[in-house]
Amino acid sequence: MKKALVGIIMGSSSDSKIMHSAATILDEFGVAHEDQIVSAHRTPTRLSDYAKHAEKEGFKVIIAGAGGSAHLPGMIASHTVIPVIGVPIMVYNDKANSDKFKFSAFGGLDALLSISEMPTGSPVVTVGVNKAANAGLYAVKILANEFPELRSKLKKHKETQYNSVIKESDEMRKIGLARFAGKKK
């Protein structure tokens, strides 16, 4: 798929450390996406313009990541009929010292509640805190309703997950829990 079907947006460049997982999943499934920084608070007119752009381009899903008050997913949803998947973000980068991470004031709970508690009439699907990969997978599931090749890839993905768990279980049974856990460190 060469044409972008999914938009990935985040409120700040520091959110890219979490949001890249959504892009990685979409890339694995061969789903083209367009990635941008759109701040609900610092660039409100850009947010409105982005919603129009997403509709004009024919995006099928928007994945929006935000921390703290996390208004971006809800605000973009209020400007479009495209399904929005919200990713609450707990960890962000301290731009003054890029090697250090800070945690949001409420450990991501603020963002989770902000995104998941949208008023009736303006829904946003919400994944777990920092679970951008799940947002990517959910976007693929939405697209699979329209694209049979994605449905086949999802079934293969689930089969691979199943086989991986069975393989690990067999190994654990053979070598014992203590040795198995020691190998996982």
C-alpha atoms as a PDB file:
ATOM      1  CA  MET A   1       0.000   0.000   0.000  1.00  0.00           C
ATOM      2  CA  LYS A   2       1.723   3.135  -1.219  1.00  0.00           C
ATOM      3  CA  LYS A   3      -0.983   5.667  -0.332  1.00  0.00           C
ATOM      4  CA  ALA A   4      -1.079   6.596   3.349  1.00  0.00           C
ATOM      5  CA  LEU A   5      -4.129   5.080   5.027  1.00  0.00           C
ATOM      6  CA  VAL A   6      -3.195   5.985   8.587  1.00  0.00           C
ATOM      7  CA  GLY A   7      -2.148   9.268  10.119  1.00  0.00           C
ATOM      8  CA  ILE A   8       0.058   9.141  13.198  1.00  0.00           C
ATOM      9  CA  ILE A   9       0.123  12.382  15.154  1.00  0.00           C
ATOM     10  CA  MET A  10       1.611  13.387  18.465  1.00  0.00           C
ATOM     11  CA  GLY A  11       1.623  16.561  20.484  1.00  0.00           C
ATOM     12  CA  SER A  12       5.391  16.878  20.795  1.00  0.00           C
ATOM     13  CA  SER A  13       8.603  15.502  19.317  1.00  0.00           C
ATOM     14  CA  SER A  14       9.332  13.879  22.685  1.00  0.00           C
ATOM     15  CA  ASP A  15       6.277  11.638  22.137  1.00  0.00           C
ATOM     16  CA  SER A  16       8.077  10.011  19.203  1.00  0.00           C
ATOM     17  CA  LYS A  17       9.935   7.745  21.644  1.00  0.00           C
ATOM     18  CA  ILE A  18       6.598   6.032  22.342  1.00  0.00           C
ATOM     19  CA  MET A  19       4.710   6.585  19.087  1.00  0.00           C
ATOM     20  CA  HIS A  20       7.348   4.983  16.859  1.00  0.00           C
ATOM     21  CA  SER A  21       5.981   1.588  17.948  1.00  0.00           C
ATOM     22  CA  ALA A  22       2.756   2.261  16.041  1.00  0.00           C
ATOM     23  CA  ALA A  23       4.758   3.069  12.918  1.00  0.00           C
ATOM     24  CA  THR A  24       6.817  -0.103  13.342  1.00  0.00           C
ATOM     25  CA  ILE A  25       3.675  -2.272  13.438  1.00  0.00           C
ATOM     26  CA  LEU A  26       2.163  -0.529  10.416  1.00  0.00           C
ATOM     27  CA  ASP A  27       5.450  -0.992   8.544  1.00  0.00           C
ATOM     28  CA  GLU A  28       5.476  -4.711   9.406  1.00  0.00           C
ATOM     29  CA  PHE A  29       2.028  -5.070   7.865  1.00  0.00           C
ATOM     30  CA  GLY A  30       2.907  -2.920   4.856  1.00  0.00           C
ATOM     31  CA  VAL A  31       0.464  -0.148   5.741  1.00  0.00           C
ATOM     32  CA  ALA A  32       1.543   3.289   4.567  1.00  0.00           C
ATOM     33  CA  HIS A  33       1.243   6.068   7.134  1.00  0.00           C
ATOM     34  CA  GLU A  34       1.941   9.766   7.442  1.00  0.00           C
ATOM     35  CA  ASP A  35       3.521  10.992  10.669  1.00  0.00           C
ATOM     36  CA  GLN A  36       3.332  14.543  12.026  1.00  0.00           C
ATOM     37  CA  ILE A  37       3.569  16.652  15.159  1.00  0.00           C
ATOM     38  CA  VAL A  38       0.306  18.481  15.829  1.00  0.00           C
ATOM     39  CA  SER A  39      -0.136  20.179  19.189  1.00  0.00           C
ATOM     40  CA  ALA A  40      -3.701  20.700  20.364  1.00  0.00           C
ATOM     41  CA  HIS A  41      -2.539  23.554  22.592  1.00  0.00           C
ATOM     42  CA  ARG A  42       0.343  25.180  20.728  1.00  0.00           C
ATOM     43  CA  THR A  43      -0.977  24.805  17.165  1.00  0.00           C
ATOM     44  CA  PRO A  44      -4.789  24.691  17.362  1.00  0.00           C
ATOM     45  CA  THR A  45      -5.331  25.931  13.799  1.00  0.00           C
ATOM     46  CA  ARG A  46      -2.863  23.316  12.542  1.00  0.00           C
ATOM     47  CA  LEU A  47      -4.983  20.677  14.293  1.00  0.00           C
ATOM     48  CA  SER A  48      -8.072  21.818  12.429  1.00  0.00           C
ATOM     49  CA  ASP A  49      -6.143  21.944   9.150  1.00  0.00           C
ATOM     50  CA  TYR A  50      -4.745  18.456   9.780  1.00  0.00           C
ATOM     51  CA  ALA A  51      -8.245  17.015  10.220  1.00  0.00           C
ATOM     52  CA  LYS A  52      -9.256  18.458   6.839  1.00  0.00           C
ATOM     53  CA  HIS A  53      -6.017  17.170   5.293  1.00  0.00           C
ATOM     54  CA  ALA A  54      -6.611  13.661   6.682  1.00  0.00           C
ATOM     55  CA  GLU A  55     -10.115  13.547   5.195  1.00  0.00           C
ATOM     56  CA  LYS A  56      -8.932  14.948   1.849  1.00  0.00           C
ATOM     57  CA  GLU A  57      -6.132  12.364   1.675  1.00  0.00           C
ATOM     58  CA  GLY A  58      -8.548   9.536   2.454  1.00  0.00           C
ATOM     59  CA  PHE A  59      -6.999   8.359   5.710  1.00  0.00           C
ATOM     60  CA  LYS A  60      -8.975   5.492   7.237  1.00  0.00           C
ATOM     61  CA  VAL A  61      -7.625   5.843  10.800  1.00  0.00           C
ATOM     62  CA  ILE A  62      -5.775   8.427  12.877  1.00  0.00           C
ATOM     63  CA  ILE A  63      -3.538   7.358  15.760  1.00  0.00           C
ATOM     64  CA  ALA A  64      -3.006  10.252  18.170  1.00  0.00           C
ATOM     65  CA  GLY A  65      -0.598  10.132  21.099  1.00  0.00           C
ATOM     66  CA  ALA A  66      -0.532  12.621  23.942  1.00  0.00           C
ATOM     67  CA  GLY A  67       0.519  12.879  27.571  1.00  0.00           C
ATOM     68  CA  GLY A  68      -0.631  14.957  30.506  1.00  0.00           C
ATOM     69  CA  SER A  69      -4.014  16.502  29.783  1.00  0.00           C
ATOM     70  CA  ALA A  70      -3.913  14.575  26.487  1.00  0.00           C
ATOM     71  CA  HIS A  71      -6.323  16.711  24.496  1.00  0.00           C
ATOM     72  CA  LEU A  72      -4.973  15.819  21.046  1.00  0.00           C
ATOM     73  CA  PRO A  73      -6.947  12.589  20.418  1.00  0.00           C
ATOM     74  CA  GLY A  74     -10.261  14.101  21.496  1.00  0.00           C
ATOM     75  CA  MET A  75      -9.709  17.366  19.684  1.00  0.00           C
ATOM     76  CA  ILE A  76      -8.808  15.661  16.403  1.00  0.00           C
ATOM     77  CA  ALA A  77     -11.857  13.400  16.805  1.00  0.00           C
ATOM     78  CA  SER A  78     -14.039  16.479  17.218  1.00  0.00           C
ATOM     79  CA  HIS A  79     -12.852  17.765  13.827  1.00  0.00           C
ATOM     80  CA  THR A  80     -13.289  14.590  11.719  1.00  0.00           C
ATOM     81  CA  VAL A  81     -15.375  11.483  11.133  1.00  0.00           C
ATOM     82  CA  ILE A  82     -12.231   9.353  10.751  1.00  0.00           C
ATOM     83  CA  PRO A  83     -11.854   6.830  13.617  1.00  0.00           C
ATOM     84  CA  VAL A  84      -9.265   7.987  16.162  1.00  0.00           C
ATOM     85  CA  ILE A  85      -7.163   5.711  18.351  1.00  0.00           C
ATOM     86  CA  GLY A  86      -5.711   7.522  21.357  1.00  0.00           C
ATOM     87  CA  VAL A  87      -2.388   6.567  22.940  1.00  0.00           C
ATOM     88  CA  PRO A  88      -1.947   7.939  26.469  1.00  0.00           C
ATOM     89  CA  ILE A  89       1.729   8.723  27.078  1.00  0.00           C
ATOM     90  CA  MET A  90       3.377   8.460  30.481  1.00  0.00           C
ATOM     91  CA  VAL A  91       7.045   9.025  29.730  1.00  0.00           C
ATOM     92  CA  TYR A  92       8.449  12.005  27.954  1.00  0.00           C
ATOM     93  CA  ASN A  93      11.906  13.292  27.232  1.00  0.00           C
ATOM     94  CA  ASP A  94      13.370  16.239  29.080  1.00  0.00           C
ATOM     95  CA  LYS A  95      14.496  18.349  26.124  1.00  0.00           C
ATOM     96  CA  ALA A  96      17.013  20.247  28.248  1.00  0.00           C
ATOM     97  CA  ASN A  97      18.872  17.000  28.907  1.00  0.00           C
ATOM     98  CA  SER A  98      17.859  14.528  26.201  1.00  0.00           C
ATOM     99  CA  ASP A  99      19.274  11.474  28.016  1.00  0.00           C
ATOM    100  CA  LYS A 100      16.914  11.840  30.983  1.00  0.00           C
ATOM    101  CA  PHE A 101      13.260  10.881  31.072  1.00  0.00           C
ATOM    102  CA  LYS A 102      10.540  12.457  33.164  1.00  0.00           C
ATOM    103  CA  PHE A 103       7.246  10.881  34.092  1.00  0.00           C
ATOM    104  CA  SER A 104       3.937  12.656  33.819  1.00  0.00           C
ATOM    105  CA  ALA A 105       2.563  13.975  37.089  1.00  0.00           C
ATOM    106  CA  PHE A 106       0.144  11.068  37.519  1.00  0.00           C
ATOM    107  CA  GLY A 107       2.129   8.289  35.870  1.00  0.00           C
ATOM    108  CA  GLY A 108       0.062   8.338  32.687  1.00  0.00           C
ATOM    109  CA  LEU A 109      -3.269   7.977  34.485  1.00  0.00           C
ATOM    110  CA  ASP A 110      -4.063  11.609  33.652  1.00  0.00           C
ATOM    111  CA  ALA A 111      -3.630  10.939  29.928  1.00  0.00           C
ATOM    112  CA  LEU A 112      -5.478   7.614  30.079  1.00  0.00           C
ATOM    113  CA  LEU A 113      -8.509   9.143  31.785  1.00  0.00           C
ATOM    114  CA  SER A 114      -8.495  12.213  29.546  1.00  0.00           C
ATOM    115  CA  ILE A 115      -8.543  10.138  26.373  1.00  0.00           C
ATOM    116  CA  SER A 116     -10.869   7.366  27.529  1.00  0.00           C
ATOM    117  CA  GLU A 117     -13.492   9.621  29.114  1.00  0.00           C
ATOM    118  CA  MET A 118     -14.601  11.478  25.996  1.00  0.00           C
ATOM    119  CA  PRO A 119     -18.123  12.897  26.118  1.00  0.00           C
ATOM    120  CA  THR A 120     -20.921  11.016  24.401  1.00  0.00           C
ATOM    121  CA  GLY A 121     -20.956  11.811  20.707  1.00  0.00           C
ATOM    122  CA  SER A 122     -17.207  12.256  20.289  1.00  0.00           C
ATOM    123  CA  PRO A 123     -15.670   8.819  20.904  1.00  0.00           C
ATOM    124  CA  VAL A 124     -11.998   7.919  20.822  1.00  0.00           C
ATOM    125  CA  VAL A 125     -10.753   4.354  21.115  1.00  0.00           C
ATOM    126  CA  THR A 126      -8.082   4.242  23.818  1.00  0.00           C
ATOM    127  CA  VAL A 127      -5.228   1.767  24.195  1.00  0.00           C
ATOM    128  CA  GLY A 128      -3.146   1.314  27.339  1.00  0.00           C
ATOM    129  CA  VAL A 129      -0.560   3.800  28.552  1.00  0.00           C
ATOM    130  CA  ASN A 130       2.449   3.856  26.184  1.00  0.00           C
ATOM    131  CA  LYS A 131       0.886   1.027  24.114  1.00  0.00           C
ATOM    132  CA  ALA A 132       1.402   2.602  20.685  1.00  0.00           C
ATOM    133  CA  ALA A 133       2.066  -0.855  19.187  1.00  0.00           C
ATOM    134  CA  ASN A 134      -1.482  -1.861  20.173  1.00  0.00           C
ATOM    135  CA  ALA A 135      -2.777   1.253  18.431  1.00  0.00           C
ATOM    136  CA  GLY A 136      -0.936   0.160  15.299  1.00  0.00           C
ATOM    137  CA  LEU A 137      -2.433  -3.326  15.517  1.00  0.00           C
ATOM    138  CA  TYR A 138      -5.913  -1.938  16.105  1.00  0.00           C
ATOM    139  CA  ALA A 139      -5.541   0.290  13.039  1.00  0.00           C
ATOM    140  CA  VAL A 140      -4.576  -2.786  10.993  1.00  0.00           C
ATOM    141  CA  LYS A 141      -7.685  -4.585  12.293  1.00  0.00           C
ATOM    142  CA  ILE A 142      -9.875  -1.677  11.178  1.00  0.00           C
ATOM    143  CA  LEU A 143      -8.235  -1.681   7.750  1.00  0.00           C
ATOM    144  CA  ALA A 144      -8.560  -5.470   7.469  1.00  0.00           C
ATOM    145  CA  ASN A 145     -12.326  -5.025   7.106  1.00  0.00           C
ATOM    146  CA  GLU A 146     -11.647  -3.362   3.750  1.00  0.00           C
ATOM    147  CA  PHE A 147      -8.416  -5.052   2.660  1.00  0.00           C
ATOM    148  CA  PRO A 148      -8.483  -8.891   2.613  1.00  0.00           C
ATOM    149  CA  GLU A 149      -4.677  -9.128   2.361  1.00  0.00           C
ATOM    150  CA  LEU A 150      -4.409  -7.452   5.769  1.00  0.00           C
ATOM    151  CA  ARG A 151      -6.915  -9.905   7.203  1.00  0.00           C
ATOM    152  CA  SER A 152      -4.670 -12.762   6.025  1.00  0.00           C
ATOM    153  CA  LYS A 153      -1.597 -11.096   7.532  1.00  0.00           C
ATOM    154  CA  LEU A 154      -3.408 -10.614  10.854  1.00  0.00           C
ATOM    155  CA  LYS A 155      -4.374 -14.278  10.974  1.00  0.00           C
ATOM    156  CA  LYS A 156      -0.753 -15.249  10.319  1.00  0.00           C
ATOM    157  CA  HIS A 157       0.365 -12.791  13.028  1.00  0.00           C
ATOM    158  CA  LYS A 158      -1.990 -14.399  15.558  1.00  0.00           C
ATOM    159  CA  GLU A 159      -0.775 -17.873  14.554  1.00  0.00           C
ATOM    160  CA  THR A 160       2.831 -16.746  15.050  1.00  0.00           C
ATOM    161  CA  GLN A 161       1.969 -15.396  18.508  1.00  0.00           C
ATOM    162  CA  TYR A 162       0.265 -18.668  19.415  1.00  0.00           C
ATOM    163  CA  ASN A 163       3.216 -20.771  18.262  1.00  0.00           C
ATOM    164  CA  SER A 164       5.640 -18.552  20.171  1.00  0.00           C
ATOM    165  CA  VAL A 165       3.755 -19.076  23.436  1.00  0.00           C
ATOM    166  CA  ILE A 166       3.591 -22.848  22.901  1.00  0.00           C
ATOM    167  CA  LYS A 167       7.344 -22.972  22.152  1.00  0.00           C
ATOM    168  CA  GLU A 168       8.176 -20.997  25.308  1.00  0.00           C
ATOM    169  CA  SER A 169       5.849 -23.141  27.392  1.00  0.00           C
ATOM    170  CA  ASP A 170       7.496 -26.320  26.113  1.00  0.00           C
ATOM    171  CA  GLU A 171      10.945 -24.904  26.898  1.00  0.00           C
ATOM    172  CA  MET A 172       9.839 -23.877  30.412  1.00  0.00           C
ATOM    173  CA  ARG A 173       8.437 -27.339  31.059  1.00  0.00           C
ATOM    174  CA  LYS A 174      11.714 -28.964  29.905  1.00  0.00           C
ATOM    175  CA  ILE A 175      14.220 -26.812  31.795  1.00  0.00           C
ATOM    176  CA  GLY A 176      12.110 -25.675  34.753  1.00  0.00           C
ATOM    177  CA  LEU A 177      10.808 -22.288  35.775  1.00  0.00           C
ATOM    178  CA  ALA A 178      13.916 -21.096  37.635  1.00  0.00           C
ATOM    179  CA  ARG A 179      16.288 -21.743  34.713  1.00  0.00           C
ATOM    180  CA  PHE A 180      13.774 -20.396  32.208  1.00  0.00           C
ATOM    181  CA  ALA A 181      13.334 -17.150  34.182  1.00  0.00           C
ATOM    182  CA  GLY A 182      17.116 -16.819  34.445  1.00  0.00           C
ATOM    183  CA  LYS A 183      17.402 -16.928  30.660  1.00  0.00           C
ATOM    184  CA  LYS A 184      14.855 -14.093  30.325  1.00  0.00           C
ATOM    185  CA  LYS A 185      16.928 -11.551  32.286  1.00  0.00           C
END
